[in-house]
Amino acid sequence: MVTSCLHCYVSGRVQGVWFRQSTLERARALGLTGWVRNLPDGRVECLACGDSRALARFREWLHEGPPLARVEVVDCVPATAPQPPLDEFEIRR
């Protein structure tokens, strides 16, 4: 399996609406590794690594987010896999 990574920023009403926890659950369900965190400017940032098909599904989900979120912009770019590789998907603070 080829591992690819995406580094994403999500804007809109994405803090205080369970976005990080929902992102963690979705990423783990898709078999991805990486992390998600809130930024001081109100955005959410994440790095996700895994199979390209799973990453495509993850990216689609970021455009929706959890039910209380109102996603306005999702900006993702390809990223280099972290070294050493991550073992799981986690919430960073």
Protein backbone atom coordinates (compact mmCIF):
# COMPACT_ATOMS: atom_id res chain seq x y z
CA MET A 1 0.00 0.00 0.00
CA VAL A 2 1.32 3.42 -0.95
CA THR A 3 1.08 6.02 1.80
CA SER A 4 0.23 9.59 0.90
CA CYS A 5 -0.36 12.55 3.20
CA LEU A 6 -2.58 15.63 3.15
CA HIS A 7 -2.11 18.77 5.23
CA CYS A 8 -5.44 20.58 5.56
CA TYR A 9 -6.89 23.75 7.03
CA VAL A 10 -10.65 23.93 7.60
CA SER A 11 -12.42 27.28 8.08
CA GLY A 12 -15.92 28.20 9.19
CA ARG A 13 -17.74 27.24 12.37
CA VAL A 14 -15.36 24.40 13.18
CA GLN A 15 -14.42 24.96 16.82
CA GLY A 16 -16.70 24.11 19.72
CA VAL A 17 -18.76 21.74 17.53
CA TRP A 18 -16.93 18.43 18.11
CA PHE A 19 -14.95 18.85 14.88
CA ARG A 20 -11.66 17.47 16.24
CA GLN A 21 -13.26 14.42 17.86
CA SER A 22 -15.33 13.70 14.76
CA THR A 23 -12.23 14.09 12.58
CA LEU A 24 -10.36 11.64 14.79
CA GLU A 25 -13.18 9.10 14.56
CA ARG A 26 -13.50 9.45 10.78
CA ALA A 27 -9.74 9.19 10.21
CA ARG A 28 -9.43 6.09 12.37
CA ALA A 29 -12.42 4.48 10.65
CA LEU A 30 -10.64 5.05 7.32
CA GLY A 31 -7.38 3.61 8.63
CA LEU A 32 -5.51 6.92 8.51
CA THR A 33 -2.76 8.16 10.79
CA GLY A 34 -2.01 11.77 11.67
CA TRP A 35 -3.36 14.51 13.88
CA VAL A 36 -5.91 17.32 14.19
CA ARG A 37 -5.80 20.52 16.26
CA ASN A 38 -7.54 23.85 16.76
CA LEU A 39 -5.71 27.01 15.72
CA PRO A 40 -5.91 30.35 17.53
CA ASP A 41 -7.49 31.98 14.45
CA GLY A 42 -10.57 29.71 14.61
CA ARG A 43 -9.52 27.21 11.95
CA VAL A 44 -8.83 23.51 12.37
CA GLU A 45 -5.58 22.06 11.03
CA CYS A 46 -4.94 18.39 10.30
CA LEU A 47 -2.40 16.07 8.79
CA ALA A 48 -3.68 12.74 7.52
CA CYS A 49 -1.64 9.90 6.01
CA GLY A 50 -2.71 6.65 4.42
CA ASP A 51 -4.08 5.09 1.27
CA SER A 52 -4.97 7.64 -1.42
CA ARG A 53 -8.57 6.37 -1.68
CA ALA A 54 -9.06 6.73 2.08
CA LEU A 55 -7.54 10.23 1.94
CA ALA A 56 -9.97 11.19 -0.83
CA ARG A 57 -12.91 10.05 1.32
CA PHE A 58 -11.46 11.89 4.33
CA ARG A 59 -11.10 15.09 2.32
CA GLU A 60 -14.72 14.83 1.15
CA TRP A 61 -15.82 14.40 4.76
CA LEU A 62 -13.88 17.53 5.82
CA HIS A 63 -16.15 19.57 3.54
CA GLU A 64 -19.13 18.44 5.64
CA GLY A 65 -17.73 17.87 9.13
CA PRO A 66 -19.95 16.92 12.08
CA PRO A 67 -23.61 18.01 12.20
CA LEU A 68 -23.06 21.24 14.18
CA ALA A 69 -20.19 22.46 11.99
CA ARG A 70 -20.58 24.93 9.14
CA VAL A 71 -17.56 24.37 6.91
CA GLU A 72 -16.77 27.29 4.61
CA VAL A 73 -13.33 26.48 3.18
CA VAL A 74 -11.18 23.35 3.07
CA ASP A 75 -7.63 23.91 1.85
CA CYS A 76 -5.54 20.73 1.46
CA VAL A 77 -2.11 20.22 -0.05
CA PRO A 78 0.01 17.09 -0.44
CA ALA A 79 2.46 16.67 2.42
CA THR A 80 5.53 14.67 3.24
CA ALA A 81 5.02 11.81 5.67
CA PRO A 82 6.39 12.63 9.12
CA GLN A 83 9.52 10.86 10.30
CA PRO A 84 9.22 8.71 12.25
CA PRO A 85 5.82 7.66 10.88
CA LEU A 86 2.81 8.15 13.12
CA ASP A 87 1.15 5.05 14.59
CA GLU A 88 -2.36 6.41 14.93
CA PHE A 89 -4.56 9.47 14.48
CA GLU A 90 -4.61 11.81 17.48
CA ILE A 91 -5.92 15.14 18.73
CA ARG A 92 -3.19 17.64 19.44
CA ARG A 93 -3.61 20.59 21.74
